[in-house]
Amino acid sequence: MKYWEIIARNLKKRGWRLDYVSALDSQGRTIWIADAHRDDGRRFIVHADEKLTAFLELERVTRENLMISGPAIQPAATCSAGASAEVCG
């Protein structure tokens, strides 16, 4: 089992539904887009140069969201993963 699959399995155990896709950017490079969402309206979308990086970023933002108290419905966050990963709102 690959590490991204372990992350996906753990996210599903915590109640997240996952979708992911690879695409080509305007310069012909492969990018990965991953989406984690729940029935309560929380949703996170990340993109990265590698599949593992995208899932690591999803794991990070979903864990951070659990630590933040606030409304159940959060706006979708787009994350740029890589050397300088950050959550963009």
Protein backbone atom coordinates (compact mmCIF):
# COMPACT_ATOMS: atom_id res chain seq x y z
CA MET A 1 0.00 0.00 0.00
CA LYS A 2 1.33 3.44 -0.93
CA TYR A 3 1.57 6.23 1.64
CA TRP A 4 -1.05 8.40 -0.09
CA GLU A 5 -3.46 5.45 0.12
CA ILE A 6 -2.86 5.20 3.88
CA ILE A 7 -3.61 8.92 4.23
CA ALA A 8 -6.79 8.51 2.13
CA ARG A 9 -7.93 5.56 4.25
CA ASN A 10 -7.34 7.54 7.46
CA LEU A 11 -9.24 10.56 6.13
CA LYS A 12 -12.17 8.32 5.21
CA LYS A 13 -12.14 6.82 8.73
CA ARG A 14 -12.47 10.38 10.09
CA GLY A 15 -15.58 11.00 7.97
CA TRP A 16 -14.14 12.70 4.90
CA ARG A 17 -15.13 11.80 1.34
CA LEU A 18 -12.32 12.08 -1.18
CA ASP A 19 -11.94 12.77 -4.88
CA TYR A 20 -8.74 13.34 -6.82
CA VAL A 21 -7.65 13.84 -10.40
CA SER A 22 -4.50 14.58 -12.35
CA ALA A 23 -4.43 17.28 -15.01
CA LEU A 24 -1.97 19.12 -17.20
CA ASP A 25 -1.25 22.76 -16.49
CA SER A 26 -0.70 25.36 -19.21
CA GLN A 27 2.97 24.37 -19.44
CA GLY A 28 2.26 20.67 -19.89
CA ARG A 29 3.20 19.64 -16.34
CA THR A 30 1.11 17.14 -14.42
CA ILE A 31 -0.65 18.52 -11.35
CA TRP A 32 -2.77 16.66 -8.81
CA ILE A 33 -6.01 18.05 -7.43
CA ALA A 34 -7.52 16.43 -4.34
CA ASP A 35 -10.81 17.26 -2.62
CA ALA A 36 -11.95 16.29 0.89
CA HIS A 37 -15.55 17.06 1.85
CA ARG A 38 -18.12 16.17 4.51
CA ASP A 39 -21.90 16.18 4.80
CA ASP A 40 -21.74 19.16 7.18
CA GLY A 41 -20.50 21.41 4.35
CA ARG A 42 -16.78 21.43 5.14
CA ARG A 43 -14.65 21.13 2.02
CA PHE A 44 -10.97 21.46 1.21
CA ILE A 45 -9.40 21.43 -2.23
CA VAL A 46 -5.65 21.23 -2.72
CA HIS A 47 -3.34 21.02 -5.70
CA ALA A 48 0.26 19.90 -5.90
CA ASP A 49 2.93 18.67 -8.29
CA GLU A 50 2.79 15.16 -6.82
CA LYS A 51 -0.07 12.97 -5.60
CA LEU A 52 1.56 12.29 -2.22
CA THR A 53 2.10 16.01 -1.62
CA ALA A 54 -1.57 16.70 -2.37
CA PHE A 55 -2.70 14.07 0.15
CA LEU A 56 -0.23 15.27 2.78
CA GLU A 57 -1.66 18.76 2.37
CA LEU A 58 -5.24 17.45 2.65
CA GLU A 59 -4.28 15.63 5.83
CA ARG A 60 -2.77 18.82 7.25
CA VAL A 61 -5.71 21.13 6.50
CA THR A 62 -8.32 18.65 7.72
CA ARG A 63 -6.43 18.13 11.00
CA GLU A 64 -6.04 21.89 11.47
CA ASN A 65 -9.76 22.32 10.86
CA LEU A 66 -10.58 19.88 13.66
CA MET A 67 -8.54 22.01 16.09
CA ILE A 68 -10.28 25.26 15.15
CA SER A 69 -13.57 25.91 16.87
CA GLY A 70 -16.06 27.76 14.77
CA PRO A 71 -19.08 27.25 12.55
CA ALA A 72 -19.63 23.79 11.08
CA ILE A 73 -19.60 25.15 7.54
CA GLN A 74 -16.20 26.36 6.39
CA PRO A 75 -15.44 27.98 3.03
CA ALA A 76 -13.52 25.85 0.54
CA ALA A 77 -9.78 26.36 0.84
CA THR A 78 -7.41 26.00 -2.07
CA CYS A 79 -3.92 24.97 -1.10
CA SER A 80 -0.78 25.19 -3.13
CA ALA A 81 1.39 22.32 -1.97
CA GLY A 82 5.11 22.07 -2.47
CA ALA A 83 8.13 23.71 -0.92
CA SER A 84 6.07 26.61 0.37
CA ALA A 85 2.70 24.98 1.11
CA GLU A 86 0.02 27.35 2.38
CA VAL A 87 -3.74 27.49 2.60
CA CYS A 88 -5.33 30.09 0.37
CA GLY A 89 -8.87 31.27 1.00
